[in-house]
Amino acid sequence: MPLPEVKLTLRYEDRYLSEKWNDREADKVVVRTDTHFQKYTISILISEEQIGRVQLKIDDHWVELPTYKLTVTDNKTEEIKTFQVTRDFLTFKNENTQKSIFSFFGIKRFDKTTFLYENIAFEPEKDSIESFELSRYRKLSSDSLSYQFRSGDKNLLIYAGGLENFVKPTDIDSYFIVVDKSEGQSFIGDISYREKMLKLTPKVTLQVVKRTKTAKEFSFDEKGKVQKLIYL
């Protein structure tokens, strides 16, 4: 549970240590009262706005995925930063090769191979936006950062960092990957900066906006470019 930061509201009250009027100015003290607690929150919003593309290696193949706008802010600095995040969770389904007429002569370079992936993406079911609470505080290493969130029986992960050793935890239903030119280091740096400014352990919340339509399958060519999006 996040620790509250003590925020002091000062109410000044003159009290005197001496009963003699002549000594009161020398013996006057200030009493500070009215203390209350202030909790700070880091808020993460994943929108439906597509803002770019990124190539990721999935099942030994490089594929191109759309990226969406992720916004981070907090209620102390009120600074807003924007990042790119993936929203599609792909698993390899099958491979299909369309042979050209030259393949009968042993020439294979004109054959076209496509790779089909199933998309098991998370989308809010009932409302256009769904909120999540932190189920486990952030896991930070020298080159990666991850948050685990929960809403009901749904468990989501936000991950930033190198993907070579990334393995989806077994209790996670779906995940989002923060991407940039330095393997998510800008996101990690921003979170570290906010934690330093907030001083104490902040509360972290996640909101996910529902997309108007979500592809159920992705078809890629040999270079990882999207050939077709299939909506079921």
C-alpha atoms as a PDB file:
ATOM      1  CA  MET A   1       0.000   0.000   0.000  1.00  0.00           C
ATOM      2  CA  PRO A   2       1.414   3.438  -0.937  1.00  0.00           C
ATOM      3  CA  LEU A   3       2.726   5.409   1.985  1.00  0.00           C
ATOM      4  CA  PRO A   4       1.131   8.836   2.486  1.00  0.00           C
ATOM      5  CA  GLU A   5       3.279  11.928   2.407  1.00  0.00           C
ATOM      6  CA  VAL A   6       2.823  14.291   5.300  1.00  0.00           C
ATOM      7  CA  LYS A   7       1.631  17.665   4.041  1.00  0.00           C
ATOM      8  CA  LEU A   8       1.533  20.431   6.607  1.00  0.00           C
ATOM      9  CA  THR A   9      -0.979  23.246   6.589  1.00  0.00           C
ATOM     10  CA  LEU A  10       0.317  25.971   8.866  1.00  0.00           C
ATOM     11  CA  ARG A  11      -1.882  27.944  11.236  1.00  0.00           C
ATOM     12  CA  TYR A  12       0.133  30.392  13.284  1.00  0.00           C
ATOM     13  CA  GLU A  13      -0.891  31.074  16.880  1.00  0.00           C
ATOM     14  CA  ASP A  14       0.902  33.392  19.270  1.00  0.00           C
ATOM     15  CA  ARG A  15       1.533  31.974  22.712  1.00  0.00           C
ATOM     16  CA  TYR A  16       3.538  33.598  25.448  1.00  0.00           C
ATOM     17  CA  LEU A  17       5.889  32.033  27.948  1.00  0.00           C
ATOM     18  CA  SER A  18       5.792  34.997  30.292  1.00  0.00           C
ATOM     19  CA  GLU A  19       2.857  36.553  32.078  1.00  0.00           C
ATOM     20  CA  LYS A  20       4.588  39.947  32.067  1.00  0.00           C
ATOM     21  CA  TRP A  21       3.653  42.251  29.191  1.00  0.00           C
ATOM     22  CA  ASN A  22       7.190  43.589  28.902  1.00  0.00           C
ATOM     23  CA  ASP A  23       8.650  40.101  28.354  1.00  0.00           C
ATOM     24  CA  ARG A  24       6.081  38.808  25.882  1.00  0.00           C
ATOM     25  CA  GLU A  25       7.834  39.828  22.651  1.00  0.00           C
ATOM     26  CA  ALA A  26      11.019  38.072  23.707  1.00  0.00           C
ATOM     27  CA  ASP A  27       9.239  34.909  24.837  1.00  0.00           C
ATOM     28  CA  LYS A  28       6.705  34.583  21.990  1.00  0.00           C
ATOM     29  CA  VAL A  29       6.635  31.180  20.181  1.00  0.00           C
ATOM     30  CA  VAL A  30       4.787  29.925  17.084  1.00  0.00           C
ATOM     31  CA  VAL A  31       2.631  26.803  17.348  1.00  0.00           C
ATOM     32  CA  ARG A  32       2.083  24.771  14.114  1.00  0.00           C
ATOM     33  CA  THR A  33      -1.139  22.741  13.865  1.00  0.00           C
ATOM     34  CA  ASP A  34      -3.574  21.196  11.365  1.00  0.00           C
ATOM     35  CA  THR A  35      -1.611  18.336   9.835  1.00  0.00           C
ATOM     36  CA  HIS A  36      -3.159  16.135   7.143  1.00  0.00           C
ATOM     37  CA  PHE A  37      -1.924  13.490   4.747  1.00  0.00           C
ATOM     38  CA  GLN A  38      -1.457  13.799   0.996  1.00  0.00           C
ATOM     39  CA  LYS A  39      -1.194  10.740  -1.257  1.00  0.00           C
ATOM     40  CA  TYR A  40       0.328  11.054  -4.705  1.00  0.00           C
ATOM     41  CA  THR A  41      -0.654   9.017  -7.754  1.00  0.00           C
ATOM     42  CA  ILE A  42       1.070   8.176 -11.034  1.00  0.00           C
ATOM     43  CA  SER A  43      -1.645   7.805 -13.685  1.00  0.00           C
ATOM     44  CA  ILE A  44      -1.110   5.803 -16.888  1.00  0.00           C
ATOM     45  CA  LEU A  45      -3.592   6.016 -19.772  1.00  0.00           C
ATOM     46  CA  ILE A  46      -3.480   3.763 -22.851  1.00  0.00           C
ATOM     47  CA  SER A  47      -5.609   5.321 -25.582  1.00  0.00           C
ATOM     48  CA  GLU A  48      -7.123   4.011 -28.825  1.00  0.00           C
ATOM     49  CA  GLU A  49      -5.096   6.532 -30.866  1.00  0.00           C
ATOM     50  CA  GLN A  50      -2.609   4.848 -33.208  1.00  0.00           C
ATOM     51  CA  ILE A  51       0.586   6.908 -33.447  1.00  0.00           C
ATOM     52  CA  GLY A  52       3.208   4.695 -35.102  1.00  0.00           C
ATOM     53  CA  ARG A  53       4.600   1.247 -35.872  1.00  0.00           C
ATOM     54  CA  VAL A  54       7.336  -0.932 -34.457  1.00  0.00           C
ATOM     55  CA  GLN A  55       9.018  -4.191 -35.457  1.00  0.00           C
ATOM     56  CA  LEU A  56       9.168  -6.902 -32.798  1.00  0.00           C
ATOM     57  CA  LYS A  57      10.526 -10.436 -32.929  1.00  0.00           C
ATOM     58  CA  ILE A  58       7.809 -12.983 -32.155  1.00  0.00           C
ATOM     59  CA  ASP A  59       8.388 -16.739 -32.488  1.00  0.00           C
ATOM     60  CA  ASP A  60      11.632 -16.189 -34.433  1.00  0.00           C
ATOM     61  CA  HIS A  61       9.959 -13.854 -36.953  1.00  0.00           C
ATOM     62  CA  TRP A  62      10.128 -10.075 -37.172  1.00  0.00           C
ATOM     63  CA  VAL A  63       6.663  -8.557 -37.462  1.00  0.00           C
ATOM     64  CA  GLU A  64       5.416  -4.987 -37.675  1.00  0.00           C
ATOM     65  CA  LEU A  65       2.815  -3.922 -35.122  1.00  0.00           C
ATOM     66  CA  PRO A  66       0.873  -0.681 -34.672  1.00  0.00           C
ATOM     67  CA  THR A  67       1.677   1.398 -31.606  1.00  0.00           C
ATOM     68  CA  TYR A  68      -0.736   3.467 -29.552  1.00  0.00           C
ATOM     69  CA  LYS A  69      -0.514   6.566 -27.400  1.00  0.00           C
ATOM     70  CA  LEU A  70       0.364   6.022 -23.738  1.00  0.00           C
ATOM     71  CA  THR A  71       0.201   9.036 -21.423  1.00  0.00           C
ATOM     72  CA  VAL A  72       1.830   9.324 -17.995  1.00  0.00           C
ATOM     73  CA  THR A  73       1.161  12.041 -15.430  1.00  0.00           C
ATOM     74  CA  ASP A  74       1.002  12.508 -11.660  1.00  0.00           C
ATOM     75  CA  ASN A  75      -0.911  14.786  -9.320  1.00  0.00           C
ATOM     76  CA  LYS A  76       2.150  16.502  -7.862  1.00  0.00           C
ATOM     77  CA  THR A  77       4.355  17.617 -10.759  1.00  0.00           C
ATOM     78  CA  GLU A  78       1.359  17.504 -13.165  1.00  0.00           C
ATOM     79  CA  GLU A  79       3.860  16.928 -15.983  1.00  0.00           C
ATOM     80  CA  ILE A  80       2.497  14.947 -18.943  1.00  0.00           C
ATOM     81  CA  LYS A  81       4.652  12.656 -21.080  1.00  0.00           C
ATOM     82  CA  THR A  82       3.631  10.592 -24.104  1.00  0.00           C
ATOM     83  CA  PHE A  83       5.040   7.223 -25.182  1.00  0.00           C
ATOM     84  CA  GLN A  84       4.292   4.484 -27.718  1.00  0.00           C
ATOM     85  CA  VAL A  85       2.877   1.149 -26.582  1.00  0.00           C
ATOM     86  CA  THR A  86       1.754  -2.052 -28.302  1.00  0.00           C
ATOM     87  CA  ARG A  87      -1.756  -3.348 -27.665  1.00  0.00           C
ATOM     88  CA  ASP A  88      -1.767  -6.573 -29.678  1.00  0.00           C
ATOM     89  CA  PHE A  89      -0.667  -9.913 -28.224  1.00  0.00           C
ATOM     90  CA  LEU A  90       0.192 -12.254 -31.121  1.00  0.00           C
ATOM     91  CA  THR A  91       0.709 -16.016 -31.196  1.00  0.00           C
ATOM     92  CA  PHE A  92       1.892 -17.872 -34.306  1.00  0.00           C
ATOM     93  CA  LYS A  93      -0.869 -19.826 -36.050  1.00  0.00           C
ATOM     94  CA  ASN A  94       0.406 -21.129 -39.393  1.00  0.00           C
ATOM     95  CA  GLU A  95       2.625 -20.531 -42.403  1.00  0.00           C
ATOM     96  CA  ASN A  96       1.490 -20.630 -46.020  1.00  0.00           C
ATOM     97  CA  THR A  97       3.622 -20.611 -49.171  1.00  0.00           C
ATOM     98  CA  GLN A  98       2.137 -19.688 -52.531  1.00  0.00           C
ATOM     99  CA  LYS A  99       4.286 -21.206 -55.243  1.00  0.00           C
ATOM    100  CA  SER A 100       4.961 -19.434 -58.519  1.00  0.00           C
ATOM    101  CA  ILE A 101       5.088 -21.133 -61.930  1.00  0.00           C
ATOM    102  CA  PHE A 102       8.884 -21.025 -61.701  1.00  0.00           C
ATOM    103  CA  SER A 103       8.863 -23.374 -58.701  1.00  0.00           C
ATOM    104  CA  PHE A 104       8.299 -26.268 -61.114  1.00  0.00           C
ATOM    105  CA  PHE A 105      11.743 -25.510 -62.512  1.00  0.00           C
ATOM    106  CA  GLY A 106      13.321 -25.438 -59.054  1.00  0.00           C
ATOM    107  CA  ILE A 107      13.313 -21.632 -58.803  1.00  0.00           C
ATOM    108  CA  LYS A 108      11.951 -20.746 -55.372  1.00  0.00           C
ATOM    109  CA  ARG A 109      12.717 -17.042 -55.130  1.00  0.00           C
ATOM    110  CA  PHE A 110       9.386 -16.058 -56.655  1.00  0.00           C
ATOM    111  CA  ASP A 111       7.410 -18.061 -54.100  1.00  0.00           C
ATOM    112  CA  LYS A 112       5.530 -15.981 -51.548  1.00  0.00           C
ATOM    113  CA  THR A 113       5.278 -17.060 -47.926  1.00  0.00           C
ATOM    114  CA  THR A 114       2.859 -15.507 -45.465  1.00  0.00           C
ATOM    115  CA  PHE A 115       2.722 -15.966 -41.700  1.00  0.00           C
ATOM    116  CA  LEU A 116      -0.584 -15.913 -39.873  1.00  0.00           C
ATOM    117  CA  TYR A 117      -0.786 -14.836 -36.222  1.00  0.00           C
ATOM    118  CA  GLU A 118      -3.750 -14.938 -33.878  1.00  0.00           C
ATOM    119  CA  ASN A 119      -4.315 -11.775 -31.867  1.00  0.00           C
ATOM    120  CA  ILE A 120      -5.396 -12.236 -28.237  1.00  0.00           C
ATOM    121  CA  ALA A 121      -5.605  -8.549 -27.375  1.00  0.00           C
ATOM    122  CA  PHE A 122      -7.210  -7.121 -24.272  1.00  0.00           C
ATOM    123  CA  GLU A 123     -10.143  -4.759 -24.765  1.00  0.00           C
ATOM    124  CA  PRO A 124     -12.581  -3.410 -22.155  1.00  0.00           C
ATOM    125  CA  GLU A 125     -15.762  -5.469 -22.427  1.00  0.00           C
ATOM    126  CA  LYS A 126     -18.543  -3.358 -20.936  1.00  0.00           C
ATOM    127  CA  ASP A 127     -17.381   0.248 -20.838  1.00  0.00           C
ATOM    128  CA  SER A 128     -15.393   2.321 -23.300  1.00  0.00           C
ATOM    129  CA  ILE A 129     -12.672   2.709 -20.664  1.00  0.00           C
ATOM    130  CA  GLU A 130     -11.602   0.336 -17.891  1.00  0.00           C
ATOM    131  CA  SER A 131      -9.562   1.144 -14.787  1.00  0.00           C
ATOM    132  CA  PHE A 132      -7.006  -1.090 -13.077  1.00  0.00           C
ATOM    133  CA  GLU A 133      -5.301  -1.010  -9.713  1.00  0.00           C
ATOM    134  CA  LEU A 134      -1.727  -2.054  -9.093  1.00  0.00           C
ATOM    135  CA  SER A 135      -1.631  -5.674  -7.927  1.00  0.00           C
ATOM    136  CA  ARG A 136       2.126  -5.835  -7.482  1.00  0.00           C
ATOM    137  CA  TYR A 137       4.474  -2.865  -7.200  1.00  0.00           C
ATOM    138  CA  ARG A 138       6.860  -2.227 -10.035  1.00  0.00           C
ATOM    139  CA  LYS A 139       9.692  -4.620 -10.780  1.00  0.00           C
ATOM    140  CA  LEU A 140      12.825  -2.693 -11.722  1.00  0.00           C
ATOM    141  CA  SER A 141      16.167  -3.996 -12.977  1.00  0.00           C
ATOM    142  CA  SER A 142      19.131  -2.342 -14.668  1.00  0.00           C
ATOM    143  CA  ASP A 143      17.423  -2.380 -18.077  1.00  0.00           C
ATOM    144  CA  SER A 144      13.713  -3.079 -17.557  1.00  0.00           C
ATOM    145  CA  LEU A 145      10.626  -2.031 -15.626  1.00  0.00           C
ATOM    146  CA  SER A 146       7.253  -3.730 -15.316  1.00  0.00           C
ATOM    147  CA  TYR A 147       3.940  -3.101 -13.575  1.00  0.00           C
ATOM    148  CA  GLN A 148       1.226  -5.674 -12.894  1.00  0.00           C
ATOM    149  CA  PHE A 149      -2.394  -4.493 -12.708  1.00  0.00           C
ATOM    150  CA  ARG A 150      -5.660  -6.188 -11.819  1.00  0.00           C
ATOM    151  CA  SER A 151      -9.367  -5.576 -12.326  1.00  0.00           C
ATOM    152  CA  GLY A 152     -11.632  -8.404 -11.200  1.00  0.00           C
ATOM    153  CA  ASP A 153     -10.153 -11.582 -12.660  1.00  0.00           C
ATOM    154  CA  LYS A 154      -8.096  -9.778 -15.318  1.00  0.00           C
ATOM    155  CA  ASN A 155      -4.338  -9.387 -14.901  1.00  0.00           C
ATOM    156  CA  LEU A 156      -2.403  -7.047 -17.182  1.00  0.00           C
ATOM    157  CA  LEU A 157       1.289  -6.217 -17.490  1.00  0.00           C
ATOM    158  CA  ILE A 158       3.062  -3.080 -18.721  1.00  0.00           C
ATOM    159  CA  TYR A 159       6.677  -3.764 -19.693  1.00  0.00           C
ATOM    160  CA  ALA A 160       9.523  -1.493 -20.798  1.00  0.00           C
ATOM    161  CA  GLY A 161      13.045  -2.704 -21.531  1.00  0.00           C
ATOM    162  CA  GLY A 162      15.030  -5.228 -23.539  1.00  0.00           C
ATOM    163  CA  LEU A 163      12.932  -7.992 -25.079  1.00  0.00           C
ATOM    164  CA  GLU A 164      15.641 -10.642 -25.415  1.00  0.00           C
ATOM    165  CA  ASN A 165      14.960 -12.115 -21.986  1.00  0.00           C
ATOM    166  CA  PHE A 166      11.323 -11.058 -21.643  1.00  0.00           C
ATOM    167  CA  VAL A 167       8.969 -13.883 -20.680  1.00  0.00           C
ATOM    168  CA  LYS A 168       5.273 -13.310 -20.033  1.00  0.00           C
ATOM    169  CA  PRO A 169       4.407 -14.320 -16.465  1.00  0.00           C
ATOM    170  CA  THR A 170       2.020 -17.272 -16.346  1.00  0.00           C
ATOM    171  CA  ASP A 171      -0.583 -15.359 -14.324  1.00  0.00           C
ATOM    172  CA  ILE A 172      -0.781 -12.503 -16.860  1.00  0.00           C
ATOM    173  CA  ASP A 173      -3.656 -12.504 -19.365  1.00  0.00           C
ATOM    174  CA  SER A 174      -2.272  -9.838 -21.683  1.00  0.00           C
ATOM    175  CA  TYR A 175       0.534  -7.311 -21.789  1.00  0.00           C
ATOM    176  CA  PHE A 176       1.540  -3.956 -23.258  1.00  0.00           C
ATOM    177  CA  ILE A 177       5.104  -3.183 -24.367  1.00  0.00           C
ATOM    178  CA  VAL A 178       6.400   0.392 -24.177  1.00  0.00           C
ATOM    179  CA  VAL A 179       8.687   0.976 -27.156  1.00  0.00           C
ATOM    180  CA  ASP A 180      11.133   3.688 -28.171  1.00  0.00           C
ATOM    181  CA  LYS A 181      14.541   3.955 -29.839  1.00  0.00           C
ATOM    182  CA  SER A 182      16.305   2.875 -26.639  1.00  0.00           C
ATOM    183  CA  GLU A 183      14.236  -0.170 -25.595  1.00  0.00           C
ATOM    184  CA  GLY A 184      11.881   1.686 -23.294  1.00  0.00           C
ATOM    185  CA  GLN A 185      14.580   3.565 -21.390  1.00  0.00           C
ATOM    186  CA  SER A 186      12.800   6.920 -21.792  1.00  0.00           C
ATOM    187  CA  PHE A 187       9.732   5.498 -20.022  1.00  0.00           C
ATOM    188  CA  ILE A 188      11.882   3.984 -17.261  1.00  0.00           C
ATOM    189  CA  GLY A 189      13.663   7.317 -16.813  1.00  0.00           C
ATOM    190  CA  ASP A 190      10.374   9.207 -16.602  1.00  0.00           C
ATOM    191  CA  ILE A 191       8.952   6.871 -13.943  1.00  0.00           C
ATOM    192  CA  SER A 192      12.189   7.052 -11.933  1.00  0.00           C
ATOM    193  CA  TYR A 193      12.082  10.862 -12.104  1.00  0.00           C
ATOM    194  CA  ARG A 194       8.484  10.970 -10.863  1.00  0.00           C
ATOM    195  CA  GLU A 195       9.235   8.581  -7.999  1.00  0.00           C
ATOM    196  CA  LYS A 196      12.134  10.808  -6.976  1.00  0.00           C
ATOM    197  CA  MET A 197       9.943  13.920  -7.071  1.00  0.00           C
ATOM    198  CA  LEU A 198       7.126  12.242  -5.134  1.00  0.00           C
ATOM    199  CA  LYS A 199       9.704  10.968  -2.609  1.00  0.00           C
ATOM    200  CA  LEU A 200       7.470   8.305  -1.094  1.00  0.00           C
ATOM    201  CA  THR A 201       5.962   5.241  -2.756  1.00  0.00           C
ATOM    202  CA  PRO A 202       3.163   6.556  -5.009  1.00  0.00           C
ATOM    203  CA  LYS A 203      -0.088   4.904  -5.956  1.00  0.00           C
ATOM    204  CA  VAL A 204      -0.135   3.804  -9.617  1.00  0.00           C
ATOM    205  CA  THR A 205      -3.303   3.461 -11.703  1.00  0.00           C
ATOM    206  CA  LEU A 206      -3.941   2.276 -15.260  1.00  0.00           C
ATOM    207  CA  GLN A 207      -6.806   3.115 -17.606  1.00  0.00           C
ATOM    208  CA  VAL A 208      -7.315   1.411 -20.977  1.00  0.00           C
ATOM    209  CA  VAL A 209      -9.558   2.917 -23.670  1.00  0.00           C
ATOM    210  CA  LYS A 210     -11.464   0.472 -25.865  1.00  0.00           C
ATOM    211  CA  ARG A 211     -10.613   0.475 -29.578  1.00  0.00           C
ATOM    212  CA  THR A 212     -13.477   0.765 -32.063  1.00  0.00           C
ATOM    213  CA  LYS A 213     -12.303  -2.400 -33.841  1.00  0.00           C
ATOM    214  CA  THR A 214      -9.614  -4.984 -33.154  1.00  0.00           C
ATOM    215  CA  ALA A 215      -8.024  -7.357 -35.662  1.00  0.00           C
ATOM    216  CA  LYS A 216      -8.403 -11.010 -34.665  1.00  0.00           C
ATOM    217  CA  GLU A 217      -5.641 -12.193 -36.991  1.00  0.00           C
ATOM    218  CA  PHE A 218      -2.576 -10.611 -38.609  1.00  0.00           C
ATOM    219  CA  SER A 219      -1.080 -11.865 -41.878  1.00  0.00           C
ATOM    220  CA  PHE A 220       2.563 -10.883 -42.520  1.00  0.00           C
ATOM    221  CA  ASP A 221       4.903 -11.279 -45.479  1.00  0.00           C
ATOM    222  CA  GLU A 222       8.471 -12.570 -45.205  1.00  0.00           C
ATOM    223  CA  LYS A 223       9.730  -9.088 -44.285  1.00  0.00           C
ATOM    224  CA  GLY A 224       7.258  -8.786 -41.418  1.00  0.00           C
ATOM    225  CA  LYS A 225       5.039  -6.253 -43.167  1.00  0.00           C
ATOM    226  CA  VAL A 226       1.304  -6.525 -42.625  1.00  0.00           C
ATOM    227  CA  GLN A 227      -0.372  -8.125 -45.635  1.00  0.00           C
ATOM    228  CA  LYS A 228      -3.864  -8.390 -44.232  1.00  0.00           C
ATOM    229  CA  LEU A 229      -5.831  -7.708 -41.056  1.00  0.00           C
ATOM    230  CA  ILE A 230      -8.682 -10.113 -40.410  1.00  0.00           C
ATOM    231  CA  TYR A 231     -11.683  -8.938 -38.381  1.00  0.00           C
ATOM    232  CA  LEU A 232     -13.974 -11.754 -37.260  1.00  0.00           C
END
